[in-house]
Amino acid sequence: GTLVALEGADVGVFRSSEMYVVLFVCKMGSLNIVYTWEGQQALLSSRTVAGLRVQSLKDDLSLKKDSAQHQIYVMQGAEPPLLVSMFAVRSIPFVVCRGPSRKGYL
């Protein structure tokens, strides 16, 4: 499995059947936070793919080697305020939906 970048109306929509990896980079790359969000109904295969891809995300995106790195695992319903506010400051609602994506289960 691979990570898929979300676009348009899918940004900010989290489905309970899926896993999401959200990268937050601030202060010109001096701090990187990788959030892994797990929906209550996420399949084991989705959890495995997300976990494996987070390990290589830093190299894939050429993040600064001297930056502070943090990985935060988030369960549906326990979203930290910073994660939610990352969408709000861009006027993107943070929405959690039950069930599969429009394309079906991944």
PDB file of N, CA and C in Angstrom:
ATOM      1  N   GLY A   1       0.818  -1.193   0.000  1.00  0.00           N
ATOM      2  CA  GLY A   1       0.000   0.000   0.000  1.00  0.00           C
ATOM      3  C   GLY A   1       0.854   1.246   0.000  1.00  0.00           C
ATOM      4  N   THR A   2       0.257   2.320  -0.428  1.00  0.00           N
ATOM      5  CA  THR A   2       0.956   3.592  -0.486  1.00  0.00           C
ATOM      6  C   THR A   2       0.091   4.687   0.119  1.00  0.00           C
ATOM      7  N   LEU A   3       0.740   5.786   0.445  1.00  0.00           N
ATOM      8  CA  LEU A   3       0.003   6.959   0.888  1.00  0.00           C
ATOM      9  C   LEU A   3      -0.527   7.685  -0.339  1.00  0.00           C
ATOM     10  N   VAL A   4      -1.694   8.275  -0.213  1.00  0.00           N
ATOM     11  CA  VAL A   4      -2.314   9.007  -1.304  1.00  0.00           C
ATOM     12  C   VAL A   4      -2.585  10.423  -0.831  1.00  0.00           C
ATOM     13  N   ALA A   5      -2.090  11.407  -1.571  1.00  0.00           N
ATOM     14  CA  ALA A   5      -2.338  12.801  -1.212  1.00  0.00           C
ATOM     15  C   ALA A   5      -3.800  13.138  -1.482  1.00  0.00           C
ATOM     16  N   LEU A   6      -4.433  13.787  -0.525  1.00  0.00           N
ATOM     17  CA  LEU A   6      -5.830  14.183  -0.692  1.00  0.00           C
ATOM     18  C   LEU A   6      -5.885  15.561  -1.325  1.00  0.00           C
ATOM     19  N   GLU A   7      -6.919  15.772  -2.105  1.00  0.00           N
ATOM     20  CA  GLU A   7      -7.087  17.058  -2.787  1.00  0.00           C
ATOM     21  C   GLU A   7      -8.527  17.524  -2.684  1.00  0.00           C
ATOM     22  N   GLY A   8      -8.711  18.804  -2.895  1.00  0.00           N
ATOM     23  CA  GLY A   8     -10.051  19.378  -2.968  1.00  0.00           C
ATOM     24  C   GLY A   8     -10.908  19.115  -1.755  1.00  0.00           C
ATOM     25  N   ALA A   9     -12.121  18.641  -2.009  1.00  0.00           N
ATOM     26  CA  ALA A   9     -13.110  18.436  -0.952  1.00  0.00           C
ATOM     27  C   ALA A   9     -12.728  17.325   0.023  1.00  0.00           C
ATOM     28  N   ASP A  10     -11.754  16.475  -0.334  1.00  0.00           N
ATOM     29  CA  ASP A  10     -11.340  15.389   0.558  1.00  0.00           C
ATOM     30  C   ASP A  10     -10.414  15.861   1.679  1.00  0.00           C
ATOM     31  N   VAL A  11      -9.796  17.027   1.524  1.00  0.00           N
ATOM     32  CA  VAL A  11      -8.896  17.544   2.553  1.00  0.00           C
ATOM     33  C   VAL A  11      -9.716  17.940   3.774  1.00  0.00           C
ATOM     34  N   GLY A  12      -9.323  17.423   4.925  1.00  0.00           N
ATOM     35  CA  GLY A  12     -10.023  17.725   6.171  1.00  0.00           C
ATOM     36  C   GLY A  12     -11.133  16.752   6.508  1.00  0.00           C
ATOM     37  N   VAL A  13     -11.409  15.797   5.600  1.00  0.00           N
ATOM     38  CA  VAL A  13     -12.434  14.784   5.846  1.00  0.00           C
ATOM     39  C   VAL A  13     -11.734  13.498   6.254  1.00  0.00           C
ATOM     40  N   PHE A  14     -11.999  13.061   7.465  1.00  0.00           N
ATOM     41  CA  PHE A  14     -11.384  11.857   8.015  1.00  0.00           C
ATOM     42  C   PHE A  14     -12.474  10.794   8.137  1.00  0.00           C
ATOM     43  N   ARG A  15     -12.244   9.645   7.546  1.00  0.00           N
ATOM     44  CA  ARG A  15     -13.236   8.565   7.561  1.00  0.00           C
ATOM     45  C   ARG A  15     -12.848   7.519   8.597  1.00  0.00           C
ATOM     46  N   SER A  16     -13.825   7.070   9.372  1.00  0.00           N
ATOM     47  CA  SER A  16     -13.555   6.168  10.488  1.00  0.00           C
ATOM     48  C   SER A  16     -12.990   4.818  10.047  1.00  0.00           C
ATOM     49  N   SER A  17     -13.102   4.485   8.778  1.00  0.00           N
ATOM     50  CA  SER A  17     -12.595   3.208   8.273  1.00  0.00           C
ATOM     51  C   SER A  17     -11.156   3.297   7.796  1.00  0.00           C
ATOM     52  N   GLU A  18     -10.528   4.465   7.922  1.00  0.00           N
ATOM     53  CA  GLU A  18      -9.213   4.675   7.327  1.00  0.00           C
ATOM     54  C   GLU A  18      -8.195   5.227   8.316  1.00  0.00           C
ATOM     55  N   MET A  19      -6.957   5.261   7.850  1.00  0.00           N
ATOM     56  CA  MET A  19      -5.835   5.868   8.568  1.00  0.00           C
ATOM     57  C   MET A  19      -5.380   7.073   7.752  1.00  0.00           C
ATOM     58  N   TYR A  20      -4.893   8.093   8.425  1.00  0.00           N
ATOM     59  CA  TYR A  20      -4.377   9.273   7.734  1.00  0.00           C
ATOM     60  C   TYR A  20      -3.041   9.656   8.338  1.00  0.00           C
ATOM     61  N   VAL A  21      -2.157  10.145   7.493  1.00  0.00           N
ATOM     62  CA  VAL A  21      -0.871  10.676   7.933  1.00  0.00           C
ATOM     63  C   VAL A  21      -0.880  12.147   7.548  1.00  0.00           C
ATOM     64  N   VAL A  22      -0.692  13.020   8.550  1.00  0.00           N
ATOM     65  CA  VAL A  22      -0.719  14.463   8.334  1.00  0.00           C
ATOM     66  C   VAL A  22       0.629  15.018   8.758  1.00  0.00           C
ATOM     67  N   LEU A  23       1.281  15.743   7.863  1.00  0.00           N
ATOM     68  CA  LEU A  23       2.581  16.339   8.158  1.00  0.00           C
ATOM     69  C   LEU A  23       2.393  17.826   8.438  1.00  0.00           C
ATOM     70  N   PHE A  24       2.908  18.263   9.576  1.00  0.00           N
ATOM     71  CA  PHE A  24       2.874  19.672   9.959  1.00  0.00           C
ATOM     72  C   PHE A  24       4.320  20.160  10.037  1.00  0.00           C
ATOM     73  N   VAL A  25       4.654  21.158   9.225  1.00  0.00           N
ATOM     74  CA  VAL A  25       6.003  21.736   9.218  1.00  0.00           C
ATOM     75  C   VAL A  25       5.859  23.210   9.583  1.00  0.00           C
ATOM     76  N   CYS A  26       6.583  23.653  10.600  1.00  0.00           N
ATOM     77  CA  CYS A  26       6.486  25.056  10.982  1.00  0.00           C
ATOM     78  C   CYS A  26       7.871  25.672  11.178  1.00  0.00           C
ATOM     79  N   LYS A  27       7.880  26.970  11.285  1.00  0.00           N
ATOM     80  CA  LYS A  27       9.102  27.753  11.488  1.00  0.00           C
ATOM     81  C   LYS A  27      10.170  27.394  10.465  1.00  0.00           C
ATOM     82  N   MET A  28       9.774  27.472   9.215  1.00  0.00           N
ATOM     83  CA  MET A  28      10.703  27.257   8.096  1.00  0.00           C
ATOM     84  C   MET A  28      11.430  25.920   8.211  1.00  0.00           C
ATOM     85  N   GLY A  29      10.715  24.903   8.619  1.00  0.00           N
ATOM     86  CA  GLY A  29      11.276  23.558   8.657  1.00  0.00           C
ATOM     87  C   GLY A  29      11.994  23.192   9.937  1.00  0.00           C
ATOM     88  N   SER A  30      11.969  24.076  10.955  1.00  0.00           N
ATOM     89  CA  SER A  30      12.695  23.779  12.194  1.00  0.00           C
ATOM     90  C   SER A  30      11.941  22.787  13.084  1.00  0.00           C
ATOM     91  N   LEU A  31      10.665  22.572  12.805  1.00  0.00           N
ATOM     92  CA  LEU A  31       9.862  21.630  13.577  1.00  0.00           C
ATOM     93  C   LEU A  31       8.965  20.858  12.620  1.00  0.00           C
ATOM     94  N   ASN A  32       9.012  19.545  12.715  1.00  0.00           N
ATOM     95  CA  ASN A  32       8.158  18.681  11.907  1.00  0.00           C
ATOM     96  C   ASN A  32       7.364  17.780  12.831  1.00  0.00           C
ATOM     97  N   ILE A  33       6.048  17.764  12.638  1.00  0.00           N
ATOM     98  CA  ILE A  33       5.194  16.868  13.409  1.00  0.00           C
ATOM     99  C   ILE A  33       4.456  15.987  12.413  1.00  0.00           C
ATOM    100  N   VAL A  34       4.568  14.680  12.604  1.00  0.00           N
ATOM    101  CA  VAL A  34       3.838  13.733  11.776  1.00  0.00           C
ATOM    102  C   VAL A  34       2.731  13.134  12.639  1.00  0.00           C
ATOM    103  N   TYR A  35       1.494  13.462  12.276  1.00  0.00           N
ATOM    104  CA  TYR A  35       0.344  12.894  12.964  1.00  0.00           C
ATOM    105  C   TYR A  35      -0.115  11.651  12.204  1.00  0.00           C
ATOM    106  N   THR A  36      -0.361  10.575  12.921  1.00  0.00           N
ATOM    107  CA  THR A  36      -0.997   9.398  12.341  1.00  0.00           C
ATOM    108  C   THR A  36      -2.348   9.272  13.019  1.00  0.00           C
ATOM    109  N   TRP A  37      -3.407   9.466  12.226  1.00  0.00           N
ATOM    110  CA  TRP A  37      -4.782   9.441  12.746  1.00  0.00           C
ATOM    111  C   TRP A  37      -5.403   8.099  12.425  1.00  0.00           C
ATOM    112  N   GLU A  38      -5.952   7.436  13.431  1.00  0.00           N
ATOM    113  CA  GLU A  38      -6.590   6.138  13.238  1.00  0.00           C
ATOM    114  C   GLU A  38      -8.084   6.232  13.474  1.00  0.00           C
ATOM    115  N   GLY A  39      -8.854   5.870  12.453  1.00  0.00           N
ATOM    116  CA  GLY A  39     -10.304   5.804  12.589  1.00  0.00           C
ATOM    117  C   GLY A  39     -10.698   4.592  13.412  1.00  0.00           C
ATOM    118  N   GLN A  40     -11.829   4.677  14.085  1.00  0.00           N
ATOM    119  CA  GLN A  40     -12.284   3.592  14.965  1.00  0.00           C
ATOM    120  C   GLN A  40     -12.502   2.284  14.219  1.00  0.00           C
ATOM    121  N   GLN A  41     -12.781   2.349  12.932  1.00  0.00           N
ATOM    122  CA  GLN A  41     -13.061   1.146  12.150  1.00  0.00           C
ATOM    123  C   GLN A  41     -11.932   0.822  11.167  1.00  0.00           C
ATOM    124  N   ALA A  42     -10.748   1.387  11.382  1.00  0.00           N
ATOM    125  CA  ALA A  42      -9.630   1.157  10.452  1.00  0.00           C
ATOM    126  C   ALA A  42      -9.229  -0.314  10.441  1.00  0.00           C
ATOM    127  N   LEU A  43      -8.972  -0.817   9.261  1.00  0.00           N
ATOM    128  CA  LEU A  43      -8.549  -2.203   9.095  1.00  0.00           C
ATOM    129  C   LEU A  43      -7.086  -2.363   9.489  1.00  0.00           C
ATOM    130  N   LEU A  44      -6.708  -3.546   9.889  1.00  0.00           N
ATOM    131  CA  LEU A  44      -5.324  -3.822  10.252  1.00  0.00           C
ATOM    132  C   LEU A  44      -4.384  -3.491   9.098  1.00  0.00           C
ATOM    133  N   SER A  45      -4.786  -3.783   7.875  1.00  0.00           N
ATOM    134  CA  SER A  45      -3.923  -3.491   6.724  1.00  0.00           C
ATOM    135  C   SER A  45      -3.667  -1.995   6.592  1.00  0.00           C
ATOM    136  N   SER A  46      -4.660  -1.159   6.875  1.00  0.00           N
ATOM    137  CA  SER A  46      -4.479   0.294   6.825  1.00  0.00           C
ATOM    138  C   SER A  46      -3.531   0.761   7.911  1.00  0.00           C
ATOM    139  N   ARG A  47      -3.654   0.196   9.106  1.00  0.00           N
ATOM    140  CA  ARG A  47      -2.760   0.564  10.210  1.00  0.00           C
ATOM    141  C   ARG A  47      -1.324   0.178   9.886  1.00  0.00           C
ATOM    142  N   THR A  48      -1.147  -0.978   9.286  1.00  0.00           N
ATOM    143  CA  THR A  48       0.199  -1.448   8.931  1.00  0.00           C
ATOM    144  C   THR A  48       0.836  -0.539   7.893  1.00  0.00           C
ATOM    145  N   VAL A  49       0.090  -0.202   6.839  1.00  0.00           N
ATOM    146  CA  VAL A  49       0.618   0.664   5.787  1.00  0.00           C
ATOM    147  C   VAL A  49       0.998   2.025   6.356  1.00  0.00           C
ATOM    148  N   ALA A  50       0.126   2.608   7.161  1.00  0.00           N
ATOM    149  CA  ALA A  50       0.412   3.929   7.731  1.00  0.00           C
ATOM    150  C   ALA A  50       1.667   3.877   8.595  1.00  0.00           C
ATOM    151  N   GLY A  51       1.794   2.856   9.416  1.00  0.00           N
ATOM    152  CA  GLY A  51       2.965   2.737  10.286  1.00  0.00           C
ATOM    153  C   GLY A  51       4.256   2.598   9.499  1.00  0.00           C
ATOM    154  N   LEU A  52       4.242   1.801   8.452  1.00  0.00           N
ATOM    155  CA  LEU A  52       5.441   1.613   7.639  1.00  0.00           C
ATOM    156  C   LEU A  52       5.818   2.874   6.877  1.00  0.00           C
ATOM    157  N   ARG A  53       4.826   3.564   6.353  1.00  0.00           N
ATOM    158  CA  ARG A  53       5.115   4.764   5.556  1.00  0.00           C
ATOM    159  C   ARG A  53       5.607   5.923   6.416  1.00  0.00           C
ATOM    160  N   VAL A  54       5.134   6.023   7.638  1.00  0.00           N
ATOM    161  CA  VAL A  54       5.602   7.104   8.508  1.00  0.00           C
ATOM    162  C   VAL A  54       7.106   6.969   8.743  1.00  0.00           C
ATOM    163  N   GLN A  55       7.589   5.744   8.833  1.00  0.00           N
ATOM    164  CA  GLN A  55       9.015   5.521   9.066  1.00  0.00           C
ATOM    165  C   GLN A  55       9.873   6.122   7.954  1.00  0.00           C
ATOM    166  N   SER A  56       9.402   6.094   6.722  1.00  0.00           N
ATOM    167  CA  SER A  56      10.209   6.591   5.602  1.00  0.00           C
ATOM    168  C   SER A  56       9.806   7.988   5.139  1.00  0.00           C
ATOM    169  N   LEU A  57       8.814   8.584   5.780  1.00  0.00           N
ATOM    170  CA  LEU A  57       8.312   9.885   5.349  1.00  0.00           C
ATOM    171  C   LEU A  57       9.384  10.971   5.380  1.00  0.00           C
ATOM    172  N   LYS A  58      10.192  10.981   6.407  1.00  0.00           N
ATOM    173  CA  LYS A  58      11.232  12.006   6.537  1.00  0.00           C
ATOM    174  C   LYS A  58      12.178  11.979   5.343  1.00  0.00           C
ATOM    175  N   ASP A  59      12.602  10.805   4.939  1.00  0.00           N
ATOM    176  CA  ASP A  59      13.498  10.691   3.790  1.00  0.00           C
ATOM    177  C   ASP A  59      12.782  11.035   2.487  1.00  0.00           C
ATOM    178  N   ASP A  60      11.559  10.567   2.345  1.00  0.00           N
ATOM    179  CA  ASP A  60      10.794  10.816   1.118  1.00  0.00           C
ATOM    180  C   ASP A  60      10.600  12.300   0.855  1.00  0.00           C
ATOM    181  N   LEU A  61      10.364  13.071   1.898  1.00  0.00           N
ATOM    182  CA  LEU A  61      10.066  14.490   1.746  1.00  0.00           C
ATOM    183  C   LEU A  61      11.283  15.383   1.928  1.00  0.00           C
ATOM    184  N   SER A  62      12.453  14.784   2.125  1.00  0.00           N
ATOM    185  CA  SER A  62      13.702  15.529   2.310  1.00  0.00           C
ATOM    186  C   SER A  62      13.570  16.588   3.397  1.00  0.00           C
ATOM    187  N   LEU A  63      13.024  16.203   4.537  1.00  0.00           N
ATOM    188  CA  LEU A  63      12.903  17.137   5.649  1.00  0.00           C
ATOM    189  C   LEU A  63      14.279  17.443   6.208  1.00  0.00           C
ATOM    190  N   LYS A  64      14.432  18.641   6.762  1.00  0.00           N
ATOM    191  CA  LYS A  64      15.724  19.042   7.308  1.00  0.00           C
ATOM    192  C   LYS A  64      16.183  18.067   8.375  1.00  0.00           C
ATOM    193  N   LYS A  65      17.426  17.625   8.275  1.00  0.00           N
ATOM    194  CA  LYS A  65      17.967  16.633   9.208  1.00  0.00           C
ATOM    195  C   LYS A  65      18.121  17.196  10.624  1.00  0.00           C
ATOM    196  N   ASP A  66      18.344  18.523  10.745  1.00  0.00           N
ATOM    197  CA  ASP A  66      18.570  19.114  12.065  1.00  0.00           C
ATOM    198  C   ASP A  66      17.281  19.642  12.699  1.00  0.00           C
ATOM    199  N   SER A  67      16.145  19.392  12.073  1.00  0.00           N
ATOM    200  CA  SER A  67      14.885  19.884  12.631  1.00  0.00           C
ATOM    201  C   SER A  67      14.389  18.955  13.731  1.00  0.00           C
ATOM    202  N   ALA A  68      13.561  19.525  14.608  1.00  0.00           N
ATOM    203  CA  ALA A  68      12.944  18.721  15.662  1.00  0.00           C
ATOM    204  C   ALA A  68      11.866  17.852  15.023  1.00  0.00           C
ATOM    205  N   GLN A  69      11.886  16.569  15.334  1.00  0.00           N
ATOM    206  CA  GLN A  69      10.939  15.618  14.741  1.00  0.00           C
ATOM    207  C   GLN A  69      10.039  15.048  15.836  1.00  0.00           C
ATOM    208  N   HIS A  70       8.759  15.044  15.580  1.00  0.00           N
ATOM    209  CA  HIS A  70       7.813  14.464  16.526  1.00  0.00           C
ATOM    210  C   HIS A  70       6.815  13.613  15.754  1.00  0.00           C
ATOM    211  N   GLN A  71       6.478  12.477  16.316  1.00  0.00           N
ATOM    212  CA  GLN A  71       5.437  11.639  15.742  1.00  0.00           C
ATOM    213  C   GLN A  71       4.354  11.475  16.793  1.00  0.00           C
ATOM    214  N   ILE A  72       3.123  11.789  16.418  1.00  0.00           N
ATOM    215  CA  ILE A  72       2.006  11.730  17.352  1.00  0.00           C
ATOM    216  C   ILE A  72       0.930  10.824  16.773  1.00  0.00           C
ATOM    217  N   TYR A  73       0.563   9.829  17.542  1.00  0.00           N
ATOM    218  CA  TYR A  73      -0.475   8.881  17.139  1.00  0.00           C
ATOM    219  C   TYR A  73      -1.793   9.364  17.726  1.00  0.00           C
ATOM    220  N   VAL A  74      -2.801   9.512  16.879  1.00  0.00           N
ATOM    221  CA  VAL A  74      -4.077  10.073  17.304  1.00  0.00           C
ATOM    222  C   VAL A  74      -5.202   9.078  17.017  1.00  0.00           C
ATOM    223  N   MET A  75      -6.003   8.822  18.023  1.00  0.00           N
ATOM    224  CA  MET A  75      -7.178   7.969  17.858  1.00  0.00           C
ATOM    225  C   MET A  75      -8.398   8.855  17.580  1.00  0.00           C
ATOM    226  N   GLN A  76      -9.312   8.356  16.758  1.00  0.00           N
ATOM    227  CA  GLN A  76     -10.547   9.076  16.473  1.00  0.00           C
ATOM    228  C   GLN A  76     -11.242   9.450  17.775  1.00  0.00           C
ATOM    229  N   GLY A  77     -11.628  10.708  17.871  1.00  0.00           N
ATOM    230  CA  GLY A  77     -12.307  11.202  19.065  1.00  0.00           C
ATOM    231  C   GLY A  77     -11.376  11.819  20.084  1.00  0.00           C
ATOM    232  N   ALA A  78     -10.062  11.683  19.881  1.00  0.00           N
ATOM    233  CA  ALA A  78      -9.079  12.244  20.821  1.00  0.00           C
ATOM    234  C   ALA A  78      -8.100  13.149  20.082  1.00  0.00           C
ATOM    235  N   GLU A  79      -8.588  13.908  19.119  1.00  0.00           N
ATOM    236  CA  GLU A  79      -7.741  14.763  18.303  1.00  0.00           C
ATOM    237  C   GLU A  79      -7.207  15.933  19.120  1.00  0.00           C
ATOM    238  N   PRO A  80      -5.890  16.167  19.073  1.00  0.00           N
ATOM    239  CA  PRO A  80      -5.324  17.298  19.806  1.00  0.00           C
ATOM    240  C   PRO A  80      -5.693  18.623  19.123  1.00  0.00           C
ATOM    241  N   PRO A  81      -5.791  19.689  19.902  1.00  0.00           N
ATOM    242  CA  PRO A  81      -6.182  20.984  19.338  1.00  0.00           C
ATOM    243  C   PRO A  81      -5.282  21.453  18.188  1.00  0.00           C
ATOM    244  N   LEU A  82      -3.977  21.200  18.245  1.00  0.00           N
ATOM    245  CA  LEU A  82      -3.100  21.666  17.169  1.00  0.00           C
ATOM    246  C   LEU A  82      -3.465  21.007  15.844  1.00  0.00           C
ATOM    247  N   LEU A  83      -3.768  19.721  15.862  1.00  0.00           N
ATOM    248  CA  LEU A  83      -4.146  19.033  14.629  1.00  0.00           C
ATOM    249  C   LEU A  83      -5.401  19.657  14.021  1.00  0.00           C
ATOM    250  N   VAL A  84      -6.413  19.876  14.835  1.00  0.00           N
ATOM    251  CA  VAL A  84      -7.662  20.462  14.344  1.00  0.00           C
ATOM    252  C   VAL A  84      -7.439  21.892  13.867  1.00  0.00           C
ATOM    253  N   SER A  85      -6.623  22.658  14.596  1.00  0.00           N
ATOM    254  CA  SER A  85      -6.394  24.060  14.235  1.00  0.00           C
ATOM    255  C   SER A  85      -5.611  24.209  12.933  1.00  0.00           C
ATOM    256  N   MET A  86      -4.814  23.191  12.573  1.00  0.00           N
ATOM    257  CA  MET A  86      -4.073  23.257  11.301  1.00  0.00           C
ATOM    258  C   MET A  86      -5.038  23.402  10.128  1.00  0.00           C
ATOM    259  N   PHE A  87      -6.189  22.817  10.238  1.00  0.00           N
ATOM    260  CA  PHE A  87      -7.189  22.927   9.180  1.00  0.00           C
ATOM    261  C   PHE A  87      -7.982  24.217   9.317  1.00  0.00           C
ATOM    262  N   ALA A  88      -8.328  24.571  10.552  1.00  0.00           N
ATOM    263  CA  ALA A  88      -9.155  25.752  10.806  1.00  0.00           C
ATOM    264  C   ALA A  88      -8.496  27.041  10.312  1.00  0.00           C
ATOM    265  N   VAL A  89      -7.183  27.184  10.497  1.00  0.00           N
ATOM    266  CA  VAL A  89      -6.517  28.415  10.068  1.00  0.00           C
ATOM    267  C   VAL A  89      -6.516  28.558   8.551  1.00  0.00           C
ATOM    268  N   ARG A  90      -6.780  27.478   7.855  1.00  0.00           N
ATOM    269  CA  ARG A  90      -6.880  27.509   6.390  1.00  0.00           C
ATOM    270  C   ARG A  90      -8.342  27.471   5.931  1.00  0.00           C
ATOM    271  N   SER A  91      -9.254  27.700   6.885  1.00  0.00           N
ATOM    272  CA  SER A  91     -10.701  27.682   6.627  1.00  0.00           C
ATOM    273  C   SER A  91     -11.165  26.349   6.035  1.00  0.00           C
ATOM    274  N   ILE A  92     -10.541  25.269   6.485  1.00  0.00           N
ATOM    275  CA  ILE A  92     -10.931  23.919   6.074  1.00  0.00           C
ATOM    276  C   ILE A  92     -11.543  23.235   7.285  1.00  0.00           C
ATOM    277  N   PRO A  93     -12.791  22.805   7.189  1.00  0.00           N
ATOM    278  CA  PRO A  93     -13.389  22.121   8.337  1.00  0.00           C
ATOM    279  C   PRO A  93     -12.734  20.763   8.596  1.00  0.00           C
ATOM    280  N   PHE A  94     -12.660  20.387   9.855  1.00  0.00           N
ATOM    281  CA  PHE A  94     -12.161  19.065  10.266  1.00  0.00           C
ATOM    282  C   PHE A  94     -13.399  18.212  10.503  1.00  0.00           C
ATOM    283  N   VAL A  95     -13.625  17.248   9.617  1.00  0.00           N
ATOM    284  CA  VAL A  95     -14.855  16.462   9.645  1.00  0.00           C
ATOM    285  C   VAL A  95     -14.503  14.983   9.756  1.00  0.00           C
ATOM    286  N   VAL A  96     -15.184  14.273  10.656  1.00  0.00           N
ATOM    287  CA  VAL A  96     -15.014  12.820  10.779  1.00  0.00           C
ATOM    288  C   VAL A  96     -16.305  12.163  10.317  1.00  0.00           C
ATOM    289  N   CYS A  97     -16.182  11.250   9.351  1.00  0.00           N
ATOM    290  CA  CYS A  97     -17.332  10.540   8.789  1.00  0.00           C
ATOM    291  C   CYS A  97     -17.219   9.060   9.113  1.00  0.00           C
ATOM    292  N   ARG A  98     -18.342   8.414   9.325  1.00  0.00           N
ATOM    293  CA  ARG A  98     -18.351   6.961   9.537  1.00  0.00           C
ATOM    294  C   ARG A  98     -18.321   6.264   8.184  1.00  0.00           C
ATOM    295  N   GLY A  99     -17.678   5.091   8.161  1.00  0.00           N
ATOM    296  CA  GLY A  99     -17.738   4.251   6.980  1.00  0.00           C
ATOM    297  C   GLY A  99     -16.613   4.463   5.987  1.00  0.00           C
ATOM    298  N   PRO A 100     -16.748   3.818   4.827  1.00  0.00           N
ATOM    299  CA  PRO A 100     -15.682   3.829   3.824  1.00  0.00           C
ATOM    300  C   PRO A 100     -15.621   5.144   3.056  1.00  0.00           C
ATOM    301  N   SER A 101     -14.533   5.304   2.320  1.00  0.00           N
ATOM    302  CA  SER A 101     -14.382   6.471   1.451  1.00  0.00           C
ATOM    303  C   SER A 101     -15.375   6.346   0.303  1.00  0.00           C
ATOM    304  N   ARG A 102     -15.476   7.391  -0.474  1.00  0.00           N
ATOM    305  CA  ARG A 102     -16.381   7.361  -1.625  1.00  0.00           C
ATOM    306  C   ARG A 102     -15.975   6.278  -2.622  1.00  0.00           C
ATOM    307  N   LYS A 103     -14.711   5.894  -2.594  1.00  0.00           N
ATOM    308  CA  LYS A 103     -14.207   4.891  -3.522  1.00  0.00           C
ATOM    309  C   LYS A 103     -14.287   3.482  -2.930  1.00  0.00           C
ATOM    310  N   GLY A 104     -14.799   3.335  -1.714  1.00  0.00           N
ATOM    311  CA  GLY A 104     -14.864   2.046  -1.054  1.00  0.00           C
ATOM    312  C   GLY A 104     -13.709   1.871  -0.086  1.00  0.00           C
ATOM    313  N   TYR A 105     -13.637   0.731   0.517  1.00  0.00           N
ATOM    314  CA  TYR A 105     -12.562   0.476   1.488  1.00  0.00           C
ATOM    315  C   TYR A 105     -11.237   0.385   0.777  1.00  0.00           C
ATOM    316  N   LEU A 106     -10.176   0.879   1.440  1.00  0.00           N
ATOM    317  CA  LEU A 106      -8.827   0.810   0.872  1.00  0.00           C
ATOM    318  C   LEU A 106      -8.199  -0.499   1.219  1.00  0.00           C
TER     319      LEU A 106
END
